[in-house]
PDB file of N, CA and C in Angstrom:
ATOM      1  N   UNK A   1      -9.623  -9.788  -8.987  1.00  0.00           N
ATOM      2  CA  UNK A   1      -9.376  -8.328  -9.090  1.00  0.00           C
ATOM      3  C   UNK A   1      -8.080  -7.968  -8.475  1.00  0.00           C
ATOM      4  N   UNK A   2      -7.585  -6.831  -8.764  1.00  0.00           N
ATOM      5  CA  UNK A   2      -6.337  -6.303  -8.176  1.00  0.00           C
ATOM      6  C   UNK A   2      -6.693  -5.047  -7.433  1.00  0.00           C
ATOM      7  N   UNK A   3      -6.168  -4.916  -6.245  1.00  0.00           N
ATOM      8  CA  UNK A   3      -6.435  -3.768  -5.367  1.00  0.00           C
ATOM      9  C   UNK A   3      -5.087  -3.175  -4.957  1.00  0.00           C
ATOM     10  N   UNK A   4      -5.068  -1.833  -4.816  1.00  0.00           N
ATOM     11  CA  UNK A   4      -3.785  -1.215  -4.365  1.00  0.00           C
ATOM     12  C   UNK A   4      -4.156  -0.243  -3.255  1.00  0.00           C
ATOM     13  N   UNK A   5      -3.358  -0.321  -2.176  1.00  0.00           N
ATOM     14  CA  UNK A   5      -3.349   0.581  -1.065  1.00  0.00           C
ATOM     15  C   UNK A   5      -2.151   1.452  -1.136  1.00  0.00           C
ATOM     16  N   UNK A   6      -2.399   2.764  -1.163  1.00  0.00           N
ATOM     17  CA  UNK A   6      -1.324   3.744  -1.279  1.00  0.00           C
ATOM     18  C   UNK A   6      -0.978   4.398   0.082  1.00  0.00           C
ATOM     19  N   UNK A   7       0.311   4.571   0.347  1.00  0.00           N
ATOM     20  CA  UNK A   7       0.729   5.128   1.608  1.00  0.00           C
ATOM     21  C   UNK A   7       0.905   6.634   1.561  1.00  0.00           C
ATOM     22  N   UNK A   8       0.431   7.293   2.504  1.00  0.00           N
ATOM     23  CA  UNK A   8       0.645   8.689   2.788  1.00  0.00           C
ATOM     24  C   UNK A   8       1.952   8.851   3.612  1.00  0.00           C
ATOM     25  N   UNK A   9       2.755   9.844   3.283  1.00  0.00           N
ATOM     26  CA  UNK A   9       4.043   9.931   4.062  1.00  0.00           C
ATOM     27  C   UNK A   9       3.796  10.777   5.251  1.00  0.00           C
ATOM     28  N   UNK A  10       2.960  10.240   6.173  1.00  0.00           N
ATOM     29  CA  UNK A  10       2.592  10.846   7.449  1.00  0.00           C
ATOM     30  C   UNK A  10       3.889  11.023   8.261  1.00  0.00           C
ATOM     31  N   UNK A  11       4.084  12.233   8.784  1.00  0.00           N
ATOM     32  CA  UNK A  11       5.286  12.568   9.474  1.00  0.00           C
ATOM     33  C   UNK A  11       6.472  12.881   8.627  1.00  0.00           C
ATOM     34  N   UNK A  12       6.279  12.879   7.309  1.00  0.00           N
ATOM     35  CA  UNK A  12       7.289  13.219   6.423  1.00  0.00           C
ATOM     36  C   UNK A  12       8.206  12.063   5.964  1.00  0.00           C
ATOM     37  N   UNK A  13       7.756  10.812   6.218  1.00  0.00           N
ATOM     38  CA  UNK A  13       8.535   9.701   5.798  1.00  0.00           C
ATOM     39  C   UNK A  13       7.610   8.456   5.465  1.00  0.00           C
ATOM     40  N   UNK A  14       8.137   7.519   4.683  1.00  0.00           N
ATOM     41  CA  UNK A  14       7.458   6.275   4.393  1.00  0.00           C
ATOM     42  C   UNK A  14       8.009   5.127   5.148  1.00  0.00           C
ATOM     43  N   UNK A  15       7.178   4.115   5.308  1.00  0.00           N
ATOM     44  CA  UNK A  15       7.630   2.960   6.123  1.00  0.00           C
ATOM     45  C   UNK A  15       7.343   1.725   5.337  1.00  0.00           C
ATOM     46  N   UNK A  16       7.938   0.623   5.705  1.00  0.00           N
ATOM     47  CA  UNK A  16       7.679  -0.706   5.125  1.00  0.00           C
ATOM     48  C   UNK A  16       6.338  -1.112   5.242  1.00  0.00           C
ATOM     49  N   UNK A  17       5.741  -1.929   4.439  1.00  0.00           N
ATOM     50  CA  UNK A  17       6.411  -2.784   3.477  1.00  0.00           C
ATOM     51  C   UNK A  17       6.702  -2.120   2.135  1.00  0.00           C
ATOM     52  N   UNK A  18       5.954  -1.117   1.714  1.00  0.00           N
ATOM     53  CA  UNK A  18       6.226  -0.377   0.501  1.00  0.00           C
ATOM     54  C   UNK A  18       5.265   0.737   0.452  1.00  0.00           C
ATOM     55  N   UNK A  19       5.651   1.663  -0.540  1.00  0.00           N
ATOM     56  CA  UNK A  19       4.749   2.819  -0.706  1.00  0.00           C
ATOM     57  C   UNK A  19       3.404   2.499  -1.204  1.00  0.00           C
ATOM     58  N   UNK A  20       3.265   1.418  -1.955  1.00  0.00           N
ATOM     59  CA  UNK A  20       2.020   0.858  -2.578  1.00  0.00           C
ATOM     60  C   UNK A  20       1.998  -0.621  -2.287  1.00  0.00           C
ATOM     61  N   UNK A  21       0.972  -1.055  -1.638  1.00  0.00           N
ATOM     62  CA  UNK A  21       0.789  -2.531  -1.429  1.00  0.00           C
ATOM     63  C   UNK A  21      -0.294  -2.960  -2.448  1.00  0.00           C
ATOM     64  N   UNK A  22       0.140  -3.798  -3.374  1.00  0.00           N
ATOM     65  CA  UNK A  22      -0.802  -4.192  -4.409  1.00  0.00           C
ATOM     66  C   UNK A  22      -1.234  -5.703  -4.104  1.00  0.00           C
ATOM     67  N   UNK A  23      -2.496  -5.886  -4.006  1.00  0.00           N
ATOM     68  CA  UNK A  23      -3.035  -7.240  -3.629  1.00  0.00           C
ATOM     69  C   UNK A  23      -3.641  -7.813  -4.872  1.00  0.00           C
ATOM     70  N   UNK A  24      -3.183  -9.017  -5.190  1.00  0.00           N
ATOM     71  CA  UNK A  24      -3.823  -9.691  -6.394  1.00  0.00           C
ATOM     72  C   UNK A  24      -4.646 -10.788  -5.981  1.00  0.00           C
ATOM     73  N   UNK A  25      -5.631 -11.127  -6.851  1.00  0.00           N
ATOM     74  CA  UNK A  25      -6.469 -12.306  -6.607  1.00  0.00           C
ATOM     75  C   UNK A  25      -7.314 -12.245  -5.368  1.00  0.00           C
ATOM     76  N   UNK A  26      -7.593 -11.103  -4.865  1.00  0.00           N
ATOM     77  CA  UNK A  26      -8.591 -10.971  -3.767  1.00  0.00           C
ATOM     78  C   UNK A  26      -9.990 -11.203  -4.184  1.00  0.00           C
ATOM     79  N   UNK A  27     -10.838 -11.800  -3.310  1.00  0.00           N
ATOM     80  CA  UNK A  27     -12.241 -11.957  -3.658  1.00  0.00           C
ATOM     81  C   UNK A  27     -12.982 -10.728  -3.841  1.00  0.00           C
ATOM     82  N   UNK A  28     -12.656  -9.747  -2.985  1.00  0.00           N
ATOM     83  CA  UNK A  28     -13.296  -8.406  -2.995  1.00  0.00           C
ATOM     84  C   UNK A  28     -12.421  -7.416  -2.194  1.00  0.00           C
ATOM     85  N   UNK A  29     -12.945  -6.161  -2.085  1.00  0.00           N
ATOM     86  CA  UNK A  29     -12.129  -5.133  -1.353  1.00  0.00           C
ATOM     87  C   UNK A  29     -11.896  -5.487   0.123  1.00  0.00           C
ATOM     88  N   UNK A  30     -12.909  -6.066   0.708  1.00  0.00           N
ATOM     89  CA  UNK A  30     -12.727  -6.450   2.122  1.00  0.00           C
ATOM     90  C   UNK A  30     -11.623  -7.497   2.270  1.00  0.00           C
ATOM     91  N   UNK A  31     -11.580  -8.499   1.436  1.00  0.00           N
ATOM     92  CA  UNK A  31     -10.595  -9.508   1.446  1.00  0.00           C
ATOM     93  C   UNK A  31      -9.229  -8.960   1.141  1.00  0.00           C
ATOM     94  N   UNK A  32      -9.181  -8.017   0.211  1.00  0.00           N
ATOM     95  CA  UNK A  32      -7.861  -7.241  -0.159  1.00  0.00           C
ATOM     96  C   UNK A  32      -7.320  -6.576   1.120  1.00  0.00           C
ATOM     97  N   UNK A  33      -8.280  -5.885   1.843  1.00  0.00           N
ATOM     98  CA  UNK A  33      -7.826  -5.154   3.002  1.00  0.00           C
ATOM     99  C   UNK A  33      -7.306  -6.123   4.023  1.00  0.00           C
ATOM    100  N   UNK A  34      -7.895  -7.292   4.214  1.00  0.00           N
ATOM    101  CA  UNK A  34      -7.377  -8.240   5.191  1.00  0.00           C
ATOM    102  C   UNK A  34      -5.999  -8.706   4.798  1.00  0.00           C
ATOM    103  N   UNK A  35      -5.730  -8.963   3.567  1.00  0.00           N
ATOM    104  CA  UNK A  35      -4.446  -9.362   3.078  1.00  0.00           C
ATOM    105  C   UNK A  35      -3.477  -8.242   3.313  1.00  0.00           C
ATOM    106  N   UNK A  36      -3.867  -7.025   2.961  1.00  0.00           N
ATOM    107  CA  UNK A  36      -2.934  -5.865   3.117  1.00  0.00           C
ATOM    108  C   UNK A  36      -2.601  -5.668   4.640  1.00  0.00           C
ATOM    109  N   UNK A  37      -3.588  -5.866   5.502  1.00  0.00           N
ATOM    110  CA  UNK A  37      -3.282  -5.699   6.895  1.00  0.00           C
ATOM    111  C   UNK A  37      -2.258  -6.736   7.365  1.00  0.00           C
ATOM    112  N   UNK A  38      -2.423  -7.956   6.947  1.00  0.00           N
ATOM    113  CA  UNK A  38      -1.466  -8.990   7.301  1.00  0.00           C
ATOM    114  C   UNK A  38      -0.074  -8.745   6.765  1.00  0.00           C
ATOM    115  N   UNK A  39      -0.010  -7.947   5.658  1.00  0.00           N
ATOM    116  CA  UNK A  39       1.305  -7.633   4.919  1.00  0.00           C
ATOM    117  C   UNK A  39       1.936  -6.386   5.622  1.00  0.00           C
ATOM    118  N   UNK A  40       1.272  -5.727   6.575  1.00  0.00           N
ATOM    119  CA  UNK A  40       1.933  -4.628   7.192  1.00  0.00           C
ATOM    120  C   UNK A  40       1.229  -3.290   7.080  1.00  0.00           C
ATOM    121  N   UNK A  41       0.141  -3.196   6.299  1.00  0.00           N
ATOM    122  CA  UNK A  41      -0.635  -2.004   6.286  1.00  0.00           C
ATOM    123  C   UNK A  41      -1.512  -1.937   7.568  1.00  0.00           C
ATOM    124  N   UNK A  42      -1.755  -0.653   7.953  1.00  0.00           N
ATOM    125  CA  UNK A  42      -2.715  -0.484   9.156  1.00  0.00           C
ATOM    126  C   UNK A  42      -3.502   0.691   8.822  1.00  0.00           C
ATOM    127  N   UNK A  43      -4.654   0.694   9.427  1.00  0.00           N
ATOM    128  CA  UNK A  43      -5.625   1.767   9.327  1.00  0.00           C
ATOM    129  C   UNK A  43      -5.799   2.482  10.628  1.00  0.00           C
ATOM    130  N   UNK A  44      -6.391   3.776  10.569  1.00  0.00           N
ATOM    131  CA  UNK A  44      -6.644   4.492  11.796  1.00  0.00           C
ATOM    132  C   UNK A  44      -5.445   4.808  12.594  1.00  0.00           C
ATOM    133  N   UNK A  45      -4.282   5.108  11.907  1.00  0.00           N
ATOM    134  CA  UNK A  45      -2.979   5.412  12.534  1.00  0.00           C
ATOM    135  C   UNK A  45      -3.002   6.704  13.374  1.00  0.00           C
ATOM    136  N   UNK A  46      -3.760   7.687  12.958  1.00  0.00           N
ATOM    137  CA  UNK A  46      -3.853   8.910  13.825  1.00  0.00           C
ATOM    138  C   UNK A  46      -4.588   8.609  15.154  1.00  0.00           C
ATOM    139  N   UNK A  47      -5.673   7.913  15.003  1.00  0.00           N
ATOM    140  CA  UNK A  47      -6.529   7.613  16.228  1.00  0.00           C
ATOM    141  C   UNK A  47      -5.711   6.703  17.149  1.00  0.00           C
ATOM    142  N   UNK A  48      -4.893   5.849  16.616  1.00  0.00           N
ATOM    143  CA  UNK A  48      -4.056   4.894  17.397  1.00  0.00           C
ATOM    144  C   UNK A  48      -2.811   5.479  17.874  1.00  0.00           C
ATOM    145  N   UNK A  49      -2.462   6.753  17.524  1.00  0.00           N
ATOM    146  CA  UNK A  49      -1.273   7.413  17.946  1.00  0.00           C
ATOM    147  C   UNK A  49      -0.021   7.025  17.199  1.00  0.00           C
ATOM    148  N   UNK A  50      -0.221   6.357  16.008  1.00  0.00           N
ATOM    149  CA  UNK A  50       0.899   5.921  15.183  1.00  0.00           C
ATOM    150  C   UNK A  50       1.335   6.953  14.137  1.00  0.00           C
ATOM    151  N   UNK A  51       0.418   7.717  13.698  1.00  0.00           N
ATOM    152  CA  UNK A  51       0.632   8.674  12.603  1.00  0.00           C
ATOM    153  C   UNK A  51       0.511  10.190  13.068  1.00  0.00           C
ATOM    154  N   UNK A  52       1.088  11.069  12.338  1.00  0.00           N
ATOM    155  CA  UNK A  52       1.033  12.493  12.569  1.00  0.00           C
ATOM    156  C   UNK A  52      -0.400  12.984  12.331  1.00  0.00           C
ATOM    157  N   UNK A  53      -0.997  13.676  13.388  1.00  0.00           N
ATOM    158  CA  UNK A  53      -2.344  14.183  13.184  1.00  0.00           C
ATOM    159  C   UNK A  53      -2.515  15.271  12.209  1.00  0.00           C
ATOM    160  N   UNK A  54      -1.428  15.964  11.961  1.00  0.00           N
ATOM    161  CA  UNK A  54      -1.527  17.058  10.964  1.00  0.00           C
ATOM    162  C   UNK A  54      -1.339  16.497   9.553  1.00  0.00           C
ATOM    163  N   UNK A  55      -0.618  15.463   9.405  1.00  0.00           N
ATOM    164  CA  UNK A  55      -0.463  14.811   7.983  1.00  0.00           C
ATOM    165  C   UNK A  55      -1.588  13.859   7.709  1.00  0.00           C
ATOM    166  N   UNK A  56      -2.100  13.251   8.699  1.00  0.00           N
ATOM    167  CA  UNK A  56      -3.223  12.280   8.439  1.00  0.00           C
ATOM    168  C   UNK A  56      -2.735  10.862   8.529  1.00  0.00           C
ATOM    169  N   UNK A  57      -3.641   9.991   8.345  1.00  0.00           N
ATOM    170  CA  UNK A  57      -3.364   8.547   8.424  1.00  0.00           C
ATOM    171  C   UNK A  57      -2.468   8.105   7.350  1.00  0.00           C
ATOM    172  N   UNK A  58      -1.552   7.218   7.618  1.00  0.00           N
ATOM    173  CA  UNK A  58      -0.568   6.690   6.627  1.00  0.00           C
ATOM    174  C   UNK A  58      -1.314   5.846   5.583  1.00  0.00           C
ATOM    175  N   UNK A  59      -2.253   5.059   6.032  1.00  0.00           N
ATOM    176  CA  UNK A  59      -2.976   4.109   5.139  1.00  0.00           C
ATOM    177  C   UNK A  59      -4.516   4.421   5.221  1.00  0.00           C
ATOM    178  N   UNK A  60      -5.152   4.320   4.131  1.00  0.00           N
ATOM    179  CA  UNK A  60      -6.614   4.471   4.150  1.00  0.00           C
ATOM    180  C   UNK A  60      -7.250   3.188   3.707  1.00  0.00           C
ATOM    181  N   UNK A  61      -8.384   2.805   4.344  1.00  0.00           N
ATOM    182  CA  UNK A  61      -8.997   1.553   3.927  1.00  0.00           C
ATOM    183  C   UNK A  61      -9.717   1.485   2.593  1.00  0.00           C
ATOM    184  N   UNK A  62      -9.700   2.501   1.829  1.00  0.00           N
ATOM    185  CA  UNK A  62     -10.251   2.494   0.453  1.00  0.00           C
ATOM    186  C   UNK A  62      -9.113   2.117  -0.530  1.00  0.00           C
ATOM    187  N   UNK A  63      -9.361   1.033  -1.178  1.00  0.00           N
ATOM    188  CA  UNK A  63      -8.311   0.657  -2.238  1.00  0.00           C
ATOM    189  C   UNK A  63      -8.695   1.128  -3.591  1.00  0.00           C
ATOM    190  N   UNK A  64      -7.681   1.231  -4.452  1.00  0.00           N
ATOM    191  CA  UNK A  64      -7.944   1.507  -5.803  1.00  0.00           C
ATOM    192  C   UNK A  64      -8.091   0.143  -6.476  1.00  0.00           C
ATOM    193  N   UNK A  65      -8.998   0.029  -7.458  1.00  0.00           N
ATOM    194  CA  UNK A  65      -9.326  -1.282  -8.035  1.00  0.00           C
ATOM    195  C   UNK A  65      -8.857  -1.376  -9.502  1.00  0.00           C
ATOM    196  N   UNK A  66      -8.223  -2.417  -9.944  1.00  0.00           N
ATOM    197  CA  UNK A  66      -7.715  -2.613 -11.227  1.00  0.00           C
ATOM    198  C   UNK A  66      -8.167  -3.899 -11.807  1.00  0.00           C
ATOM    199  N   UNK A  67      -8.185  -3.990 -13.160  1.00  0.00           N
ATOM    200  CA  UNK A  67      -8.481  -5.275 -13.823  1.00  0.00           C
ATOM    201  C   UNK A  67      -7.178  -6.098 -14.035  1.00  0.00           C
ATOM    202  N   UNK A  68      -6.069  -5.355 -14.157  1.00  0.00           N
ATOM    203  CA  UNK A  68      -4.805  -6.056 -14.469  1.00  0.00           C
ATOM    204  C   UNK A  68      -3.650  -5.555 -13.642  1.00  0.00           C
ATOM    205  N   UNK A  69      -2.741  -6.457 -13.204  1.00  0.00           N
ATOM    206  CA  UNK A  69      -1.642  -6.079 -12.371  1.00  0.00           C
ATOM    207  C   UNK A  69      -0.784  -4.970 -12.947  1.00  0.00           C
ATOM    208  N   UNK A  70      -0.648  -4.995 -14.301  1.00  0.00           N
ATOM    209  CA  UNK A  70       0.166  -3.969 -14.905  1.00  0.00           C
ATOM    210  C   UNK A  70      -0.380  -2.520 -14.713  1.00  0.00           C
ATOM    211  N   UNK A  71      -1.692  -2.424 -14.700  1.00  0.00           N
ATOM    212  CA  UNK A  71      -2.292  -1.090 -14.386  1.00  0.00           C
ATOM    213  C   UNK A  71      -1.939  -0.572 -12.958  1.00  0.00           C
ATOM    214  N   UNK A  72      -1.975  -1.503 -12.008  1.00  0.00           N
ATOM    215  CA  UNK A  72      -1.626  -1.124 -10.691  1.00  0.00           C
ATOM    216  C   UNK A  72      -0.129  -0.735 -10.555  1.00  0.00           C
ATOM    217  N   UNK A  73       0.748  -1.490 -11.213  1.00  0.00           N
ATOM    218  CA  UNK A  73       2.179  -1.250 -11.258  1.00  0.00           C
ATOM    219  C   UNK A  73       2.402   0.066 -11.935  1.00  0.00           C
ATOM    220  N   UNK A  74       1.780   0.366 -13.031  1.00  0.00           N
ATOM    221  CA  UNK A  74       1.938   1.652 -13.729  1.00  0.00           C
ATOM    222  C   UNK A  74       1.562   2.811 -12.863  1.00  0.00           C
ATOM    223  N   UNK A  75       0.473   2.697 -12.104  1.00  0.00           N
ATOM    224  CA  UNK A  75       0.086   3.789 -11.167  1.00  0.00           C
ATOM    225  C   UNK A  75       1.099   3.932 -10.020  1.00  0.00           C
ATOM    226  N   UNK A  76       1.586   2.860  -9.531  1.00  0.00           N
ATOM    227  CA  UNK A  76       2.609   2.932  -8.444  1.00  0.00           C
ATOM    228  C   UNK A  76       3.911   3.501  -9.010  1.00  0.00           C
ATOM    229  N   UNK A  77       4.274   3.144 -10.234  1.00  0.00           N
ATOM    230  CA  UNK A  77       5.480   3.694 -10.848  1.00  0.00           C
ATOM    231  C   UNK A  77       5.415   5.161 -11.117  1.00  0.00           C
ATOM    232  N   UNK A  78       4.149   5.662 -11.365  1.00  0.00           N
ATOM    233  CA  UNK A  78       4.022   7.064 -11.736  1.00  0.00           C
ATOM    234  C   UNK A  78       4.169   7.956 -10.485  1.00  0.00           C
ATOM    235  N   UNK A  79       4.094   7.432  -9.352  1.00  0.00           N
ATOM    236  CA  UNK A  79       4.209   8.151  -8.082  1.00  0.00           C
ATOM    237  C   UNK A  79       5.454   8.964  -8.094  1.00  0.00           C
ATOM    238  N   UNK A  80       5.460  10.112  -7.534  1.00  0.00           N
ATOM    239  CA  UNK A  80       6.611  10.983  -7.553  1.00  0.00           C
ATOM    240  C   UNK A  80       7.404  10.733  -6.184  1.00  0.00           C
ATOM    241  N   UNK A  81       7.186   9.692  -5.521  1.00  0.00           N
ATOM    242  CA  UNK A  81       7.796   9.412  -4.312  1.00  0.00           C
ATOM    243  C   UNK A  81       9.309   8.847  -4.525  1.00  0.00           C
ATOM    244  N   UNK A  82      10.278   9.685  -4.162  1.00  0.00           N
ATOM    245  CA  UNK A  82      11.670   9.320  -4.386  1.00  0.00           C
ATOM    246  C   UNK A  82      12.534   9.693  -3.203  1.00  0.00           C
ATOM    247  N   UNK A  83      13.762   9.215  -3.140  1.00  0.00           N
ATOM    248  CA  UNK A  83      14.689   9.712  -2.184  1.00  0.00           C
ATOM    249  C   UNK A  83      14.891   8.850  -0.910  1.00  0.00           C
ATOM    250  N   UNK A  84      14.237   7.652  -0.888  1.00  0.00           N
ATOM    251  CA  UNK A  84      14.434   6.791   0.276  1.00  0.00           C
ATOM    252  C   UNK A  84      14.526   5.341  -0.200  1.00  0.00           C
ATOM    253  N   UNK A  85      14.767   4.444   0.715  1.00  0.00           N
ATOM    254  CA  UNK A  85      14.984   3.060   0.401  1.00  0.00           C
ATOM    255  C   UNK A  85      13.688   2.205   0.514  1.00  0.00           C
ATOM    256  N   UNK A  86      12.529   2.782   0.701  1.00  0.00           N
ATOM    257  CA  UNK A  86      11.328   2.014   0.790  1.00  0.00           C
ATOM    258  C   UNK A  86      10.927   1.598  -0.590  1.00  0.00           C
ATOM    259  N   UNK A  87      10.648   0.325  -0.851  1.00  0.00           N
ATOM    260  CA  UNK A  87      10.209  -0.097  -2.167  1.00  0.00           C
ATOM    261  C   UNK A  87       9.003   0.642  -2.636  1.00  0.00           C
ATOM    262  N   UNK A  88       8.957   0.861  -3.948  1.00  0.00           N
ATOM    263  CA  UNK A  88       7.871   1.637  -4.549  1.00  0.00           C
ATOM    264  C   UNK A  88       6.563   0.822  -4.452  1.00  0.00           C
ATOM    265  N   UNK A  89       6.627  -0.457  -4.644  1.00  0.00           N
ATOM    266  CA  UNK A  89       5.481  -1.292  -4.433  1.00  0.00           C
ATOM    267  C   UNK A  89       5.851  -2.674  -4.062  1.00  0.00           C
ATOM    268  N   UNK A  90       4.941  -3.389  -3.512  1.00  0.00           N
ATOM    269  CA  UNK A  90       5.055  -4.794  -3.223  1.00  0.00           C
ATOM    270  C   UNK A  90       3.812  -5.474  -3.621  1.00  0.00           C
ATOM    271  N   UNK A  91       3.873  -6.636  -4.217  1.00  0.00           N
ATOM    272  CA  UNK A  91       2.711  -7.341  -4.685  1.00  0.00           C
ATOM    273  C   UNK A  91       2.459  -8.585  -3.786  1.00  0.00           C
ATOM    274  N   UNK A  92       1.321  -8.635  -3.164  1.00  0.00           N
ATOM    275  CA  UNK A  92       1.033  -9.789  -2.178  1.00  0.00           C
ATOM    276  C   UNK A  92      -0.279 -10.504  -2.622  1.00  0.00           C
ATOM    277  N   UNK A  93      -0.290 -11.722  -2.250  1.00  0.00           N
ATOM    278  CA  UNK A  93      -1.459 -12.597  -2.490  1.00  0.00           C
ATOM    279  C   UNK A  93      -1.553 -13.549  -1.293  1.00  0.00           C
ATOM    280  N   UNK A  94      -2.358 -13.260  -0.340  1.00  0.00           N
ATOM    281  CA  UNK A  94      -2.544 -14.059   0.816  1.00  0.00           C
ATOM    282  C   UNK A  94      -1.172 -14.238   1.557  1.00  0.00           C
ATOM    283  N   UNK A  95      -0.466 -13.067   1.600  1.00  0.00           N
ATOM    284  CA  UNK A  95       0.817 -13.006   2.211  1.00  0.00           C
ATOM    285  C   UNK A  95       2.000 -13.597   1.521  1.00  0.00           C
ATOM    286  N   UNK A  96       1.780 -14.125   0.325  1.00  0.00           N
ATOM    287  CA  UNK A  96       2.945 -14.608  -0.462  1.00  0.00           C
ATOM    288  C   UNK A  96       3.433 -13.407  -1.287  1.00  0.00           C
ATOM    289  N   UNK A  97       4.659 -12.880  -0.894  1.00  0.00           N
ATOM    290  CA  UNK A  97       5.111 -11.796  -1.655  1.00  0.00           C
ATOM    291  C   UNK A  97       5.776 -12.296  -2.890  1.00  0.00           C
ATOM    292  N   UNK A  98       5.237 -11.694  -4.020  1.00  0.00           N
ATOM    293  CA  UNK A  98       5.652 -12.169  -5.341  1.00  0.00           C
ATOM    294  C   UNK A  98       6.788 -11.328  -5.937  1.00  0.00           C
ATOM    295  N   UNK A  99       6.719 -10.039  -5.666  1.00  0.00           N
ATOM    296  CA  UNK A  99       7.679  -9.194  -6.342  1.00  0.00           C
ATOM    297  C   UNK A  99       7.766  -7.834  -5.535  1.00  0.00           C
ATOM    298  N   UNK A 100       9.004  -7.412  -5.326  1.00  0.00           N
ATOM    299  CA  UNK A 100       9.185  -6.086  -4.844  1.00  0.00           C
ATOM    300  C   UNK A 100      10.094  -5.342  -5.697  1.00  0.00           C
ATOM    301  N   UNK A 101       9.891  -4.027  -5.911  1.00  0.00           N
ATOM    302  CA  UNK A 101      10.678  -3.225  -6.761  1.00  0.00           C
ATOM    303  C   UNK A 101      11.147  -1.976  -6.033  1.00  0.00           C
ATOM    304  N   UNK A 102      12.458  -1.766  -5.979  1.00  0.00           N
ATOM    305  CA  UNK A 102      13.022  -0.441  -5.409  1.00  0.00           C
ATOM    306  C   UNK A 102      12.890   0.526  -6.477  1.00  0.00           C
ATOM    307  N   UNK A 103      12.825   1.764  -5.958  1.00  0.00           N
ATOM    308  CA  UNK A 103      12.751   2.922  -6.904  1.00  0.00           C
ATOM    309  C   UNK A 103      14.041   3.047  -7.754  1.00  0.00           C
TER     310      UNK A 103
END
């Protein structure tokens, strides 16, 4: 399965690794979250003092699930996030970064 974690622009900006972290070939959502965490995603950012409490957590532990990588890329491409140098998405599989695309 393919899982995607989408970034909220907490504090009015996006951060690395990308606006969308797409995890391919994960066993399940929990495994996808572990891979995403190792790739730079974090959860509970407001509670940990990393994110703006009025904007909310940057990353949420619930992933979007897809059957095909192209579906995840299409959703990431549809995002209206523009105007910075953060990649629109990054594809990871057990920390092997396969592809990054700048907006």
